[in-house]
PDB file of N, CA and C in Angstrom:
ATOM      1  N   LEU A   1       9.486  -6.273 -17.921  1.00  0.00           N
ATOM      2  CA  LEU A   1       8.315  -5.586 -17.395  1.00  0.00           C
ATOM      3  C   LEU A   1       8.717  -4.245 -16.796  1.00  0.00           C
ATOM      4  N   SER A   2       7.818  -3.284 -16.898  1.00  0.00           N
ATOM      5  CA  SER A   2       8.083  -1.980 -16.294  1.00  0.00           C
ATOM      6  C   SER A   2       7.948  -2.092 -14.777  1.00  0.00           C
ATOM      7  N   GLY A   3       8.375  -1.058 -14.070  1.00  0.00           N
ATOM      8  CA  GLY A   3       8.261  -1.060 -12.613  1.00  0.00           C
ATOM      9  C   GLY A   3       6.822  -1.201 -12.151  1.00  0.00           C
ATOM     10  N   GLY A   4       5.917  -0.486 -12.812  1.00  0.00           N
ATOM     11  CA  GLY A   4       4.504  -0.577 -12.456  1.00  0.00           C
ATOM     12  C   GLY A   4       3.936  -1.963 -12.715  1.00  0.00           C
ATOM     13  N   GLU A   5       4.340  -2.564 -13.839  1.00  0.00           N
ATOM     14  CA  GLU A   5       3.879  -3.922 -14.152  1.00  0.00           C
ATOM     15  C   GLU A   5       4.418  -4.918 -13.134  1.00  0.00           C
ATOM     16  N   GLN A   6       5.668  -4.750 -12.729  1.00  0.00           N
ATOM     17  CA  GLN A   6       6.249  -5.636 -11.719  1.00  0.00           C
ATOM     18  C   GLN A   6       5.495  -5.510 -10.396  1.00  0.00           C
ATOM     19  N   GLN A   7       5.127  -4.285 -10.023  1.00  0.00           N
ATOM     20  CA  GLN A   7       4.380  -4.082  -8.780  1.00  0.00           C
ATOM     21  C   GLN A   7       3.009  -4.745  -8.876  1.00  0.00           C
ATOM     22  N   ARG A   8       2.348  -4.626 -10.018  1.00  0.00           N
ATOM     23  CA  ARG A   8       1.031  -5.250 -10.190  1.00  0.00           C
ATOM     24  C   ARG A   8       1.133  -6.769 -10.103  1.00  0.00           C
ATOM     25  N   VAL A   9       2.178  -7.340 -10.675  1.00  0.00           N
ATOM     26  CA  VAL A   9       2.388  -8.790 -10.583  1.00  0.00           C
ATOM     27  C   VAL A   9       2.612  -9.187  -9.128  1.00  0.00           C
ATOM     28  N   ALA A  10       3.405  -8.415  -8.400  1.00  0.00           N
ATOM     29  CA  ALA A  10       3.656  -8.706  -6.984  1.00  0.00           C
ATOM     30  C   ALA A  10       2.362  -8.637  -6.182  1.00  0.00           C
ATOM     31  N   ILE A  11       1.518  -7.675  -6.483  1.00  0.00           N
ATOM     32  CA  ILE A  11       0.227  -7.560  -5.792  1.00  0.00           C
ATOM     33  C   ILE A  11      -0.641  -8.770  -6.107  1.00  0.00           C
ATOM     34  N   ALA A  12      -0.687  -9.158  -7.372  1.00  0.00           N
ATOM     35  CA  ALA A  12      -1.485 -10.324  -7.763  1.00  0.00           C
ATOM     36  C   ALA A  12      -1.007 -11.583  -7.048  1.00  0.00           C
ATOM     37  N   ARG A  13       0.292 -11.762  -6.955  1.00  0.00           N
ATOM     38  CA  ARG A  13       0.832 -12.919  -6.237  1.00  0.00           C
ATOM     39  C   ARG A  13       0.463 -12.867  -4.760  1.00  0.00           C
ATOM     40  N   ALA A  14       0.513 -11.671  -4.195  1.00  0.00           N
ATOM     41  CA  ALA A  14       0.236 -11.516  -2.764  1.00  0.00           C
ATOM     42  C   ALA A  14      -1.207 -11.859  -2.424  1.00  0.00           C
ATOM     43  N   VAL A  15      -2.131 -11.586  -3.327  1.00  0.00           N
ATOM     44  CA  VAL A  15      -3.543 -11.828  -3.017  1.00  0.00           C
ATOM     45  C   VAL A  15      -4.056 -13.155  -3.568  1.00  0.00           C
ATOM     46  N   ALA A  16      -3.224 -13.901  -4.259  1.00  0.00           N
ATOM     47  CA  ALA A  16      -3.651 -15.157  -4.869  1.00  0.00           C
ATOM     48  C   ALA A  16      -4.205 -16.154  -3.857  1.00  0.00           C
ATOM     49  N   ASN A  17      -3.694 -16.130  -2.642  1.00  0.00           N
ATOM     50  CA  ASN A  17      -4.152 -17.071  -1.615  1.00  0.00           C
ATOM     51  C   ASN A  17      -5.218 -16.478  -0.702  1.00  0.00           C
ATOM     52  N   ALA A  18      -5.834 -15.391  -1.124  1.00  0.00           N
ATOM     53  CA  ALA A  18      -6.909 -14.731  -0.377  1.00  0.00           C
ATOM     54  C   ALA A  18      -6.535 -14.477   1.085  1.00  0.00           C
ATOM     55  N   PRO A  19      -5.494 -13.689   1.324  1.00  0.00           N
ATOM     56  CA  PRO A  19      -5.103 -13.414   2.711  1.00  0.00           C
ATOM     57  C   PRO A  19      -6.123 -12.506   3.393  1.00  0.00           C
ATOM     58  N   ARG A  20      -6.135 -12.511   4.709  1.00  0.00           N
ATOM     59  CA  ARG A  20      -6.990 -11.589   5.466  1.00  0.00           C
ATOM     60  C   ARG A  20      -6.323 -10.229   5.595  1.00  0.00           C
ATOM     61  N   VAL A  21      -4.980 -10.239   5.594  1.00  0.00           N
ATOM     62  CA  VAL A  21      -4.210  -9.006   5.720  1.00  0.00           C
ATOM     63  C   VAL A  21      -3.157  -8.977   4.617  1.00  0.00           C
ATOM     64  N   LEU A  22      -3.042  -7.845   3.953  1.00  0.00           N
ATOM     65  CA  LEU A  22      -2.030  -7.639   2.925  1.00  0.00           C
ATOM     66  C   LEU A  22      -0.992  -6.677   3.490  1.00  0.00           C
ATOM     67  N   LEU A  23       0.250  -7.120   3.577  1.00  0.00           N
ATOM     68  CA  LEU A  23       1.342  -6.285   4.078  1.00  0.00           C
ATOM     69  C   LEU A  23       2.128  -5.751   2.888  1.00  0.00           C
ATOM     70  N   ALA A  24       2.379  -4.446   2.887  1.00  0.00           N
ATOM     71  CA  ALA A  24       3.105  -3.836   1.776  1.00  0.00           C
ATOM     72  C   ALA A  24       4.156  -2.877   2.320  1.00  0.00           C
ATOM     73  N   ASP A  25       5.405  -3.154   2.014  1.00  0.00           N
ATOM     74  CA  ASP A  25       6.516  -2.307   2.451  1.00  0.00           C
ATOM     75  C   ASP A  25       6.934  -1.427   1.280  1.00  0.00           C
ATOM     76  N   GLU A  26       6.630  -0.146   1.364  1.00  0.00           N
ATOM     77  CA  GLU A  26       6.941   0.824   0.306  1.00  0.00           C
ATOM     78  C   GLU A  26       6.468   0.317  -1.064  1.00  0.00           C
ATOM     79  N   PRO A  27       5.166   0.041  -1.219  1.00  0.00           N
ATOM     80  CA  PRO A  27       4.687  -0.541  -2.472  1.00  0.00           C
ATOM     81  C   PRO A  27       4.870   0.349  -3.696  1.00  0.00           C
ATOM     82  N   THR A  28       5.058   1.645  -3.486  1.00  0.00           N
ATOM     83  CA  THR A  28       5.244   2.549  -4.619  1.00  0.00           C
ATOM     84  C   THR A  28       6.595   3.255  -4.568  1.00  0.00           C
ATOM     85  N   GLY A  29       7.482   2.787  -3.716  1.00  0.00           N
ATOM     86  CA  GLY A  29       8.749   3.466  -3.469  1.00  0.00           C
ATOM     87  C   GLY A  29       9.654   3.640  -4.670  1.00  0.00           C
ATOM     88  N   ASN A  30       9.658   2.701  -5.601  1.00  0.00           N
ATOM     89  CA  ASN A  30      10.568   2.775  -6.750  1.00  0.00           C
ATOM     90  C   ASN A  30       9.871   3.213  -8.029  1.00  0.00           C
ATOM     91  N   LEU A  31       8.698   3.803  -7.890  1.00  0.00           N
ATOM     92  CA  LEU A  31       7.915   4.163  -9.066  1.00  0.00           C
ATOM     93  C   LEU A  31       7.834   5.675  -9.242  1.00  0.00           C
ATOM     94  N   ASP A  32       7.657   6.101 -10.488  1.00  0.00           N
ATOM     95  CA  ASP A  32       7.430   7.524 -10.739  1.00  0.00           C
ATOM     96  C   ASP A  32       6.042   7.882 -10.192  1.00  0.00           C
ATOM     97  N   PRO A  33       5.782   9.153  -9.928  1.00  0.00           N
ATOM     98  CA  PRO A  33       4.513   9.545  -9.298  1.00  0.00           C
ATOM     99  C   PRO A  33       3.265   9.083 -10.051  1.00  0.00           C
ATOM    100  N   HIS A  34       3.287   9.145 -11.371  1.00  0.00           N
ATOM    101  CA  HIS A  34       2.120   8.731 -12.162  1.00  0.00           C
ATOM    102  C   HIS A  34       1.841   7.238 -11.988  1.00  0.00           C
ATOM    103  N   THR A  35       2.874   6.422 -12.128  1.00  0.00           N
ATOM    104  CA  THR A  35       2.722   4.975 -11.975  1.00  0.00           C
ATOM    105  C   THR A  35       2.379   4.622 -10.535  1.00  0.00           C
ATOM    106  N   ALA A  36       2.985   5.312  -9.583  1.00  0.00           N
ATOM    107  CA  ALA A  36       2.688   5.075  -8.171  1.00  0.00           C
ATOM    108  C   ALA A  36       1.212   5.310  -7.892  1.00  0.00           C
ATOM    109  N   ASP A  37       0.645   6.352  -8.490  1.00  0.00           N
ATOM    110  CA  ASP A  37      -0.775   6.640  -8.299  1.00  0.00           C
ATOM    111  C   ASP A  37      -1.633   5.509  -8.845  1.00  0.00           C
ATOM    112  N   HIS A  38      -1.276   4.976 -10.017  1.00  0.00           N
ATOM    113  CA  HIS A  38      -2.029   3.858 -10.597  1.00  0.00           C
ATOM    114  C   HIS A  38      -1.943   2.618  -9.707  1.00  0.00           C
ATOM    115  N   VAL A  39      -0.760   2.311  -9.205  1.00  0.00           N
ATOM    116  CA  VAL A  39      -0.585   1.139  -8.340  1.00  0.00           C
ATOM    117  C   VAL A  39      -1.373   1.323  -7.050  1.00  0.00           C
ATOM    118  N   PHE A  40      -1.317   2.520  -6.467  1.00  0.00           N
ATOM    119  CA  PHE A  40      -2.054   2.761  -5.232  1.00  0.00           C
ATOM    120  C   PHE A  40      -3.562   2.639  -5.461  1.00  0.00           C
ATOM    121  N   LYS A  41      -4.052   3.169  -6.576  1.00  0.00           N
ATOM    122  CA  LYS A  41      -5.478   3.044  -6.879  1.00  0.00           C
ATOM    123  C   LYS A  41      -5.869   1.580  -7.044  1.00  0.00           C
ATOM    124  N   ALA A  42      -5.012   0.784  -7.676  1.00  0.00           N
ATOM    125  CA  ALA A  42      -5.285  -0.648  -7.829  1.00  0.00           C
ATOM    126  C   ALA A  42      -5.346  -1.333  -6.468  1.00  0.00           C
ATOM    127  N   LEU A  43      -4.416  -0.994  -5.582  1.00  0.00           N
ATOM    128  CA  LEU A  43      -4.434  -1.555  -4.229  1.00  0.00           C
ATOM    129  C   LEU A  43      -5.712  -1.168  -3.495  1.00  0.00           C
ATOM    130  N   THR A  44      -6.090   0.088  -3.589  1.00  0.00           N
ATOM    131  CA  THR A  44      -7.291   0.572  -2.916  1.00  0.00           C
ATOM    132  C   THR A  44      -8.532  -0.143  -3.430  1.00  0.00           C
ATOM    133  N   GLN A  45      -8.650  -0.286  -4.738  1.00  0.00           N
ATOM    134  CA  GLN A  45      -9.795  -0.989  -5.317  1.00  0.00           C
ATOM    135  C   GLN A  45      -9.828  -2.435  -4.858  1.00  0.00           C
ATOM    136  N   LEU A  46      -8.673  -3.067  -4.829  1.00  0.00           N
ATOM    137  CA  LEU A  46      -8.574  -4.454  -4.388  1.00  0.00           C
ATOM    138  C   LEU A  46      -9.040  -4.608  -2.944  1.00  0.00           C
ATOM    139  N   VAL A  47      -8.572  -3.728  -2.083  1.00  0.00           N
ATOM    140  CA  VAL A  47      -8.926  -3.796  -0.665  1.00  0.00           C
ATOM    141  C   VAL A  47     -10.428  -3.600  -0.484  1.00  0.00           C
ATOM    142  N   ARG A  48     -10.984  -2.636  -1.174  1.00  0.00           N
ATOM    143  CA  ARG A  48     -12.416  -2.364  -1.033  1.00  0.00           C
ATOM    144  C   ARG A  48     -13.254  -3.518  -1.594  1.00  0.00           C
ATOM    145  N   ALA A  49     -12.825  -4.100  -2.705  1.00  0.00           N
ATOM    146  CA  ALA A  49     -13.582  -5.178  -3.339  1.00  0.00           C
ATOM    147  C   ALA A  49     -13.510  -6.482  -2.560  1.00  0.00           C
ATOM    148  N   THR A  50     -12.358  -6.766  -1.960  1.00  0.00           N
ATOM    149  CA  THR A  50     -12.170  -8.055  -1.285  1.00  0.00           C
ATOM    150  C   THR A  50     -12.284  -7.964   0.227  1.00  0.00           C
ATOM    151  N   ARG A  51     -12.362  -6.729   0.757  1.00  0.00           N
ATOM    152  CA  ARG A  51     -12.444  -6.492   2.196  1.00  0.00           C
ATOM    153  C   ARG A  51     -11.232  -7.053   2.935  1.00  0.00           C
ATOM    154  N   VAL A  52     -10.090  -7.028   2.269  1.00  0.00           N
ATOM    155  CA  VAL A  52      -8.821  -7.424   2.873  1.00  0.00           C
ATOM    156  C   VAL A  52      -8.278  -6.220   3.633  1.00  0.00           C
ATOM    157  N   ALA A  53      -7.728  -6.446   4.803  1.00  0.00           N
ATOM    158  CA  ALA A  53      -7.054  -5.370   5.531  1.00  0.00           C
ATOM    159  C   ALA A  53      -5.676  -5.182   4.912  1.00  0.00           C
ATOM    160  N   MET A  54      -5.250  -3.944   4.786  1.00  0.00           N
ATOM    161  CA  MET A  54      -3.944  -3.669   4.196  1.00  0.00           C
ATOM    162  C   MET A  54      -3.138  -2.804   5.154  1.00  0.00           C
ATOM    163  N   LEU A  55      -1.921  -3.240   5.414  1.00  0.00           N
ATOM    164  CA  LEU A  55      -0.987  -2.487   6.246  1.00  0.00           C
ATOM    165  C   LEU A  55       0.169  -2.072   5.353  1.00  0.00           C
ATOM    166  N   ILE A  56       0.357  -0.766   5.216  1.00  0.00           N
ATOM    167  CA  ILE A  56       1.405  -0.238   4.349  1.00  0.00           C
ATOM    168  C   ILE A  56       2.431   0.499   5.190  1.00  0.00           C
ATOM    169  N   ALA A  57       3.694   0.184   4.962  1.00  0.00           N
ATOM    170  CA  ALA A  57       4.795   0.959   5.541  1.00  0.00           C
ATOM    171  C   ALA A  57       5.302   1.874   4.435  1.00  0.00           C
ATOM    172  N   THR A  58       5.347   3.170   4.705  1.00  0.00           N
ATOM    173  CA  THR A  58       5.788   4.116   3.682  1.00  0.00           C
ATOM    174  C   THR A  58       6.394   5.355   4.311  1.00  0.00           C
ATOM    175  N   HIS A  59       7.276   5.989   3.559  1.00  0.00           N
ATOM    176  CA  HIS A  59       7.801   7.297   3.928  1.00  0.00           C
ATOM    177  C   HIS A  59       7.121   8.381   3.095  1.00  0.00           C
ATOM    178  N   ASN A  60       6.261   7.976   2.183  1.00  0.00           N
ATOM    179  CA  ASN A  60       5.560   8.893   1.289  1.00  0.00           C
ATOM    180  C   ASN A  60       4.336   9.453   2.015  1.00  0.00           C
ATOM    181  N   MET A  61       4.450  10.676   2.505  1.00  0.00           N
ATOM    182  CA  MET A  61       3.366  11.261   3.287  1.00  0.00           C
ATOM    183  C   MET A  61       2.136  11.564   2.433  1.00  0.00           C
ATOM    184  N   ASP A  62       2.312  11.796   1.126  1.00  0.00           N
ATOM    185  CA  ASP A  62       1.157  11.983   0.249  1.00  0.00           C
ATOM    186  C   ASP A  62       0.352  10.692   0.157  1.00  0.00           C
ATOM    187  N   LEU A  63       1.042   9.571   0.052  1.00  0.00           N
ATOM    188  CA  LEU A  63       0.380   8.273   0.031  1.00  0.00           C
ATOM    189  C   LEU A  63      -0.278   7.999   1.380  1.00  0.00           C
ATOM    190  N   ALA A  64       0.434   8.249   2.447  1.00  0.00           N
ATOM    191  CA  ALA A  64      -0.104   8.008   3.790  1.00  0.00           C
ATOM    192  C   ALA A  64      -1.363   8.832   4.038  1.00  0.00           C
ATOM    193  N   ALA A  65      -1.410  10.039   3.509  1.00  0.00           N
ATOM    194  CA  ALA A  65      -2.566  10.914   3.718  1.00  0.00           C
ATOM    195  C   ALA A  65      -3.837  10.347   3.097  1.00  0.00           C
ATOM    196  N   ARG A  66      -3.699   9.418   2.161  1.00  0.00           N
ATOM    197  CA  ARG A  66      -4.857   8.831   1.483  1.00  0.00           C
ATOM    198  C   ARG A  66      -5.373   7.570   2.175  1.00  0.00           C
ATOM    199  N   MET A  67      -4.764   7.189   3.269  1.00  0.00           N
ATOM    200  CA  MET A  67      -5.171   5.991   4.007  1.00  0.00           C
ATOM    201  C   MET A  67      -6.381   6.284   4.900  1.00  0.00           C
ATOM    202  N   ASP A  68      -7.138   5.237   5.210  1.00  0.00           N
ATOM    203  CA  ASP A  68      -8.277   5.379   6.120  1.00  0.00           C
ATOM    204  C   ASP A  68      -7.811   5.658   7.544  1.00  0.00           C
ATOM    205  N   ARG A  69      -6.713   5.063   7.927  1.00  0.00           N
ATOM    206  CA  ARG A  69      -6.168   5.241   9.273  1.00  0.00           C
ATOM    207  C   ARG A  69      -4.657   5.352   9.152  1.00  0.00           C
ATOM    208  N   ARG A  70      -4.069   6.265   9.924  1.00  0.00           N
ATOM    209  CA  ARG A  70      -2.625   6.480   9.874  1.00  0.00           C
ATOM    210  C   ARG A  70      -2.043   6.427  11.277  1.00  0.00           C
ATOM    211  N   VAL A  71      -0.932   5.727  11.403  1.00  0.00           N
ATOM    212  CA  VAL A  71      -0.172   5.710  12.648  1.00  0.00           C
ATOM    213  C   VAL A  71       1.289   5.943  12.297  1.00  0.00           C
ATOM    214  N   SER A  72       2.029   6.411  13.275  1.00  0.00           N
ATOM    215  CA  SER A  72       3.451   6.671  13.088  1.00  0.00           C
ATOM    216  C   SER A  72       4.205   6.059  14.253  1.00  0.00           C
ATOM    217  N   LEU A  73       5.405   5.638  14.005  1.00  0.00           N
ATOM    218  CA  LEU A  73       6.269   5.127  15.063  1.00  0.00           C
ATOM    219  C   LEU A  73       7.246   6.233  15.422  1.00  0.00           C
ATOM    220  N   GLN A  74       7.151   6.727  16.657  1.00  0.00           N
ATOM    221  CA  GLN A  74       8.006   7.816  17.110  1.00  0.00           C
ATOM    222  C   GLN A  74       8.614   7.453  18.454  1.00  0.00           C
ATOM    223  N   ASP A  75       9.923   7.392  18.496  1.00  0.00           N
ATOM    224  CA  ASP A  75      10.648   7.053  19.723  1.00  0.00           C
ATOM    225  C   ASP A  75      10.148   5.748  20.343  1.00  0.00           C
ATOM    226  N   GLY A  76       9.859   4.770  19.489  1.00  0.00           N
ATOM    227  CA  GLY A  76       9.423   3.465  19.970  1.00  0.00           C
ATOM    228  C   GLY A  76       7.963   3.387  20.363  1.00  0.00           C
ATOM    229  N   HIS A  77       7.193   4.439  20.113  1.00  0.00           N
ATOM    230  CA  HIS A  77       5.776   4.461  20.463  1.00  0.00           C
ATOM    231  C   HIS A  77       4.928   4.620  19.204  1.00  0.00           C
ATOM    232  N   VAL A  78       3.801   3.923  19.165  1.00  0.00           N
ATOM    233  CA  VAL A  78       2.866   4.062  18.059  1.00  0.00           C
ATOM    234  C   VAL A  78       1.959   5.249  18.360  1.00  0.00           C
ATOM    235  N   ILE A  79       1.941   6.199  17.445  1.00  0.00           N
ATOM    236  CA  ILE A  79       1.168   7.423  17.605  1.00  0.00           C
ATOM    237  C   ILE A  79       0.080   7.457  16.533  1.00  0.00           C
ATOM    238  N   GLU A  80      -1.167   7.630  16.942  1.00  0.00           N
ATOM    239  CA  GLU A  80      -2.284   7.774  16.003  1.00  0.00           C
ATOM    240  C   GLU A  80      -2.206   9.166  15.372  1.00  0.00           C
ATOM    241  N   LEU A  81      -2.279   9.227  14.044  1.00  0.00           N
ATOM    242  CA  LEU A  81      -2.252  10.508  13.340  1.00  0.00           C
ATOM    243  C   LEU A  81      -3.675  10.907  12.979  1.00  0.00           C
ATOM    244  N   ASP A  82      -3.903  12.208  12.852  1.00  0.00           N
ATOM    245  CA  ASP A  82      -5.249  12.701  12.500  1.00  0.00           C
ATOM    246  C   ASP A  82      -5.577  12.386  11.074  1.00  0.00           C
TER     247      ASP A  82
END
């Protein structure tokens, strides 16, 4: 399976038990930008359709900018981002 296909399978497994919160650590970290965009769009559609809360940890600021709410951990403090 390609990297994008592997990520989609991991997402499907994660939501199979209908969780209230979906935790994702760098869900697009090992993907090329095009595939990462497809995976992120799939995650977004899933969250909106199922009303599952999603918490993503990422270093990708372009991805973070597309979130409804953003926070950062700085010097041990959680900082709300605009």
